[in-house]
Amino acid sequence: MVGSPKFLLPPLFCSILVLPVVISSISTPRFFAQTTQKVTLRLTDWADLDEMPLDRQAIAEFKQLYPDIDILYEPNPGRQYEEKILTALAVDDPPDVFLLDSKLIPTLTNKGVLLDLSRYVRELGVDTAQWFPNVLNIARRGSALYAFPKGFTPLMIYYLVLAKRLTKDLDDAARIDGASNWHRFWHVTFPLPKPTTFFILVTSFISSFQVFTSIYVMTAGGPVRSTDVIVYHIYQAAWEQLRMGYASAMSWVLFVIVMIATWIQFRMFGRNVEYG
């Protein structure tokens, strides 16, 4: 995640695709081995205090299905999660299953520290159709599969759904009427996705002001406060410096900024959007 102002307002589109993935380390074949011995798997992920009970509930359900497999749960709510994972890999003591951002998949696959899961996908009958192919391909190298997607932004889904609903009838009709390529684009192609584009514009703008988790986990506002976004600055003021009044005031200011910016977007772009 990647001048040093006190804090930076995040960009309009922070990322078009954010894909944290669950990656199995090279020691994970133990998980799939048919054995009567007890097996212990180390599971490491970034989880806050609200997520830990959900993780433990999922682990308990897993252990009911596989009683011979113990899960050593190692949640890490700290700010240097990725650094700790990379350090564990460097000293040859990685967890068996861990959460990692997709940008590191090429590095780890080239170094041969990840397990090819394709064999176990076939043996266990895992239905990979539950993920979008383009998302799953991020974790593929040829026929090998090194990770399962955990989550990604839904922005592109809106356009995929829209693309399936749009037809070429209007474009073909405009072409028959003698419209040029430019006129077909400006008067037919461009207006059709306007409602979806406007919705994504507004919601993405609001979401960009809510960036917190990636900053908290990966950078802690550094280096030299260059990633100290406003929400993280509010968190620091409230829970680290215990300046609740100051943090509350900044929260109200943030609310007003987002409200005004959203109102401007509706005034500038919302007038010409038709929901037919």
Protein backbone atom coordinates (compact mmCIF):
# COMPACT_ATOMS: atom_id res chain seq x y z
CA MET A 1 0.00 0.00 0.00
CA VAL A 2 1.44 2.40 -0.83
CA GLY A 3 5.73 16.49 0.96
CA SER A 4 4.36 15.00 4.07
CA PRO A 5 1.11 16.71 4.95
CA LYS A 6 -0.48 15.94 8.27
CA PHE A 7 -2.86 13.58 6.57
CA LEU A 8 -3.90 12.86 3.03
CA LEU A 9 -7.43 12.54 1.74
CA PRO A 10 -7.49 9.24 -0.18
CA PRO A 11 -7.94 9.27 -3.95
CA LEU A 12 -11.27 8.87 -5.69
CA PHE A 13 -10.62 5.30 -6.78
CA CYS A 14 -8.22 3.77 -4.29
CA SER A 15 -8.10 0.49 -6.16
CA ILE A 16 -10.11 -1.13 -8.86
CA LEU A 17 -9.37 -4.59 -7.52
CA VAL A 18 -8.25 -5.50 -4.04
CA LEU A 19 -7.81 -9.20 -3.57
CA PRO A 20 -6.70 -10.56 -0.23
CA VAL A 21 -6.16 -14.27 -0.73
CA VAL A 22 -5.78 -17.28 1.48
CA ILE A 23 -2.51 -18.91 0.56
CA SER A 24 -1.29 -22.31 1.65
CA SER A 25 2.37 -22.71 2.41
CA ILE A 26 4.48 -25.54 1.16
CA SER A 27 3.94 -27.52 4.35
CA THR A 28 0.19 -27.75 3.77
CA PRO A 29 0.14 -31.22 2.17
CA ARG A 30 -0.22 -32.48 5.74
CA PHE A 31 -3.76 -31.17 5.61
CA PHE A 32 -4.74 -33.41 2.75
CA ALA A 33 -2.83 -36.47 3.82
CA GLN A 34 -4.97 -39.42 4.76
CA THR A 35 -3.65 -40.26 8.20
CA THR A 36 -4.96 -41.49 11.52
CA GLN A 37 -2.54 -39.28 13.39
CA LYS A 38 -3.47 -35.93 14.79
CA VAL A 39 -2.49 -33.08 12.48
CA THR A 40 -2.04 -29.50 13.58
CA LEU A 41 -2.39 -26.63 11.14
CA ARG A 42 -1.21 -23.12 11.88
CA LEU A 43 -3.69 -20.55 10.64
CA THR A 44 -2.61 -16.90 10.62
CA ASP A 45 -4.70 -13.99 9.49
CA TRP A 46 -5.34 -10.36 10.23
CA ALA A 47 -8.42 -10.11 12.45
CA ASP A 48 -9.70 -7.47 14.83
CA LEU A 49 -11.57 -8.18 18.07
CA ASP A 50 -14.91 -8.32 16.24
CA GLU A 51 -13.69 -10.81 13.63
CA MET A 52 -11.93 -13.22 15.99
CA PRO A 53 -15.15 -14.80 17.38
CA LEU A 54 -16.37 -15.38 13.82
CA ASP A 55 -13.07 -17.04 12.92
CA ARG A 56 -13.23 -19.25 16.00
CA GLN A 57 -16.80 -20.27 15.17
CA ALA A 58 -15.74 -21.26 11.65
CA ILE A 59 -12.78 -23.22 13.05
CA ALA A 60 -15.08 -25.06 15.48
CA GLU A 61 -17.36 -26.07 12.61
CA PHE A 62 -14.34 -27.21 10.60
CA LYS A 63 -13.09 -29.37 13.50
CA GLN A 64 -16.47 -31.06 13.72
CA LEU A 65 -16.07 -32.13 10.11
CA TYR A 66 -12.38 -33.08 10.51
CA PRO A 67 -11.80 -34.16 14.13
CA ASP A 68 -8.26 -35.41 13.38
CA ILE A 69 -7.13 -31.91 12.40
CA ASP A 70 -6.33 -29.35 15.08
CA ILE A 71 -6.21 -25.69 14.14
CA LEU A 72 -3.66 -23.50 15.87
CA TYR A 73 -5.29 -20.11 15.42
CA GLU A 74 -2.87 -17.20 15.38
CA PRO A 75 -4.81 -13.98 14.77
CA ASN A 76 -2.69 -10.92 14.27
CA PRO A 77 -4.48 -7.58 14.65
CA GLY A 78 -1.20 -5.70 14.58
CA ARG A 79 -0.05 -3.16 12.04
CA GLN A 80 2.86 -5.17 10.64
CA TYR A 81 0.94 -8.27 9.63
CA GLU A 82 2.42 -8.56 6.15
CA GLU A 83 5.92 -7.93 7.46
CA LYS A 84 5.53 -10.73 10.01
CA ILE A 85 4.33 -13.16 7.34
CA LEU A 86 7.27 -12.34 5.08
CA THR A 87 9.66 -12.68 8.01
CA ALA A 88 8.22 -16.11 8.83
CA LEU A 89 8.75 -17.15 5.22
CA ALA A 90 12.31 -15.83 5.27
CA VAL A 91 13.24 -17.91 8.33
CA ASP A 92 11.51 -20.98 6.87
CA ASP A 93 8.82 -21.08 9.54
CA PRO A 94 5.64 -20.03 7.71
CA PRO A 95 2.12 -20.81 8.88
CA ASP A 96 0.28 -23.48 6.94
CA VAL A 97 -2.55 -21.18 5.87
CA PHE A 98 -2.38 -17.42 5.84
CA LEU A 99 -3.90 -14.30 4.36
CA LEU A 100 -1.87 -12.28 1.90
CA ASP A 101 -2.45 -9.63 -0.71
CA SER A 102 -2.43 -10.74 -4.32
CA LYS A 103 0.47 -8.46 -5.29
CA LEU A 104 2.90 -10.83 -3.54
CA ILE A 105 1.71 -13.98 -5.33
CA PRO A 106 4.23 -13.67 -8.21
CA THR A 107 7.15 -13.23 -5.81
CA LEU A 108 6.18 -16.17 -3.63
CA THR A 109 5.39 -18.50 -6.52
CA ASN A 110 8.71 -17.69 -8.21
CA LYS A 111 10.51 -18.57 -4.99
CA GLY A 112 8.63 -21.86 -4.77
CA VAL A 113 7.25 -21.35 -1.27
CA LEU A 114 3.58 -21.84 -2.16
CA LEU A 115 1.73 -25.07 -2.69
CA ASP A 116 -0.02 -25.88 -5.97
CA LEU A 117 -3.61 -26.55 -4.87
CA SER A 118 -4.96 -27.77 -8.21
CA ARG A 119 -4.44 -31.44 -7.35
CA TYR A 120 -6.38 -31.11 -4.10
CA VAL A 121 -9.09 -29.09 -5.80
CA ARG A 122 -9.70 -32.08 -8.05
CA GLU A 123 -9.44 -34.68 -5.28
CA LEU A 124 -11.72 -32.83 -2.87
CA GLY A 125 -14.16 -31.71 -5.54
CA VAL A 126 -13.87 -28.01 -4.76
CA ASP A 127 -16.24 -26.05 -6.98
CA THR A 128 -14.11 -23.23 -8.40
CA ALA A 129 -17.13 -21.91 -10.31
CA GLN A 130 -18.16 -20.05 -7.16
CA TRP A 131 -15.46 -17.47 -7.96
CA PHE A 132 -15.28 -15.20 -10.96
CA PRO A 133 -12.76 -16.69 -13.41
CA ASN A 134 -10.83 -13.43 -13.82
CA VAL A 135 -10.46 -13.16 -10.04
CA LEU A 136 -9.35 -16.75 -9.64
CA ASN A 137 -6.83 -16.37 -12.48
CA ILE A 138 -4.87 -13.88 -10.39
CA ALA A 139 -3.78 -16.84 -8.27
CA ARG A 140 -3.10 -19.10 -11.26
CA ARG A 141 0.20 -19.69 -12.99
CA GLY A 142 -0.50 -21.88 -15.99
CA SER A 143 -2.48 -24.87 -14.74
CA ALA A 144 -1.34 -24.37 -11.14
CA LEU A 145 -3.55 -22.70 -8.54
CA TYR A 146 -1.84 -21.19 -5.50
CA ALA A 147 -4.64 -19.45 -3.60
CA PHE A 148 -8.34 -18.97 -3.15
CA PRO A 149 -9.83 -15.47 -3.30
CA LYS A 150 -11.17 -14.14 -0.03
CA GLY A 151 -12.67 -10.85 -1.11
CA PHE A 152 -12.53 -8.18 -3.77
CA THR A 153 -14.25 -4.97 -4.68
CA PRO A 154 -17.70 -5.37 -6.25
CA LEU A 155 -17.32 -2.38 -8.58
CA MET A 156 -16.63 -4.43 -11.69
CA ILE A 157 -19.56 -6.74 -10.95
CA TYR A 158 -21.95 -3.87 -11.56
CA TYR A 159 -20.50 -3.33 -15.02
CA LEU A 160 -20.48 -7.07 -15.77
CA VAL A 161 -24.18 -7.28 -14.90
CA LEU A 162 -24.83 -4.17 -16.97
CA ALA A 163 -22.95 -5.57 -19.96
CA LYS A 164 -25.18 -8.67 -19.94
CA ARG A 165 -28.30 -6.51 -19.95
CA LEU A 166 -27.22 -4.19 -22.76
CA THR A 167 -28.02 -5.20 -26.31
CA LYS A 168 -26.72 -4.03 -29.67
CA ASP A 169 -30.21 -3.20 -30.96
CA LEU A 170 -29.92 0.55 -30.37
CA ASP A 171 -26.40 0.68 -31.77
CA ASP A 172 -27.46 -1.27 -34.87
CA ALA A 173 -30.47 1.01 -35.33
CA ALA A 174 -28.27 4.11 -35.09
CA ARG A 175 -25.85 2.62 -37.63
CA ILE A 176 -28.71 1.95 -40.05
CA ASP A 177 -29.85 5.57 -39.62
CA GLY A 178 -26.39 6.71 -40.72
CA ALA A 179 -24.94 7.75 -37.35
CA SER A 180 -21.15 7.97 -37.25
CA ASN A 181 -19.02 6.10 -34.76
CA TRP A 182 -18.66 9.23 -32.64
CA HIS A 183 -22.41 9.93 -32.61
CA ARG A 184 -23.20 6.30 -31.74
CA PHE A 185 -20.75 6.44 -28.83
CA TRP A 186 -21.86 9.84 -27.50
CA HIS A 187 -25.61 9.41 -27.96
CA VAL A 188 -26.08 5.63 -27.56
CA THR A 189 -23.18 3.80 -25.91
CA PHE A 190 -22.18 6.43 -23.35
CA PRO A 191 -25.67 7.26 -21.97
CA LEU A 192 -26.74 3.64 -21.42
CA PRO A 193 -24.45 2.88 -18.43
CA LYS A 194 -24.95 6.33 -16.88
CA PRO A 195 -27.00 5.12 -13.87
CA THR A 196 -24.40 2.45 -13.05
CA THR A 197 -21.49 4.84 -13.59
CA PHE A 198 -23.08 7.49 -11.41
CA PHE A 199 -23.78 4.98 -8.63
CA ILE A 200 -20.18 3.73 -8.71
CA LEU A 201 -18.85 7.29 -8.79
CA VAL A 202 -20.76 8.30 -5.66
CA THR A 203 -20.20 5.12 -3.64
CA SER A 204 -16.51 4.91 -4.57
CA PHE A 205 -15.97 8.51 -3.58
CA ILE A 206 -17.55 7.86 -0.18
CA SER A 207 -15.63 4.60 0.27
CA SER A 208 -12.34 6.32 -0.52
CA PHE A 209 -12.80 8.46 2.59
CA GLN A 210 -13.28 5.31 4.69
CA VAL A 211 -9.90 3.69 4.01
CA PHE A 212 -8.56 2.37 7.30
CA THR A 213 -7.78 -1.34 7.50
CA SER A 214 -4.99 -1.45 4.91
CA ILE A 215 -3.32 1.58 6.50
CA TYR A 216 -3.66 0.17 10.01
CA VAL A 217 -2.29 -3.24 9.04
CA MET A 218 0.44 -2.37 6.56
CA THR A 219 1.84 1.14 7.07
CA ALA A 220 0.56 2.64 10.34
CA GLY A 221 0.46 5.97 8.52
CA GLY A 222 4.09 5.85 7.42
CA PRO A 223 6.56 6.41 6.06
CA VAL A 224 6.78 9.89 7.56
CA ARG A 225 2.95 10.05 7.76
CA SER A 226 2.66 9.93 3.97
CA THR A 227 -0.25 7.44 4.24
CA ASP A 228 -1.90 9.03 7.28
CA VAL A 229 -5.41 9.20 5.84
CA ILE A 230 -8.12 11.06 7.70
CA VAL A 231 -9.95 8.06 9.19
CA TYR A 232 -6.70 6.64 10.55
CA HIS A 233 -5.86 10.07 11.96
CA ILE A 234 -9.24 10.11 13.74
CA TYR A 235 -8.52 6.65 15.15
CA GLN A 236 -5.14 7.76 16.47
CA ALA A 237 -6.61 10.85 18.09
CA ALA A 238 -9.41 8.89 19.77
CA TRP A 239 -7.81 5.60 20.85
CA GLU A 240 -4.10 6.28 21.06
CA GLN A 241 -4.06 9.88 22.25
CA LEU A 242 -7.49 9.69 24.00
CA ARG A 243 -8.48 13.07 22.53
CA MET A 244 -12.11 12.13 22.11
CA GLY A 245 -13.37 15.67 21.60
CA TYR A 246 -10.82 16.35 18.87
CA ALA A 247 -11.62 13.04 17.16
CA SER A 248 -15.36 13.73 17.35
CA ALA A 249 -14.85 17.15 15.80
CA MET A 250 -12.82 15.66 12.94
CA SER A 251 -15.53 13.04 12.41
CA TRP A 252 -18.14 15.75 12.02
CA VAL A 253 -15.88 17.65 9.62
CA LEU A 254 -15.40 14.46 7.58
CA PHE A 255 -19.17 13.93 7.52
CA VAL A 256 -19.74 17.46 6.24
CA ILE A 257 -17.03 17.09 3.57
CA VAL A 258 -18.50 13.83 2.30
CA MET A 259 -22.05 15.22 2.37
CA ILE A 260 -21.08 18.35 0.44
CA ALA A 261 -19.01 16.39 -2.08
CA THR A 262 -21.89 13.96 -2.62
CA TRP A 263 -24.35 16.83 -3.06
CA ILE A 264 -22.05 18.40 -5.68
CA GLN A 265 -21.87 15.09 -7.54
CA PHE A 266 -25.65 14.82 -7.59
CA ARG A 267 -25.97 18.40 -8.80
CA MET A 268 -23.33 18.05 -11.51
CA PHE A 269 -23.93 14.53 -12.77
CA GLY A 270 -27.23 13.30 -11.31
CA ARG A 271 -29.50 15.57 -13.30
CA ASN A 272 -28.94 13.80 -16.60
CA VAL A 273 -29.18 10.28 -15.22
CA GLU A 274 -32.37 8.45 -16.14
CA TYR A 275 -33.46 5.27 -14.43
CA GLY A 276 -35.69 3.76 -17.08
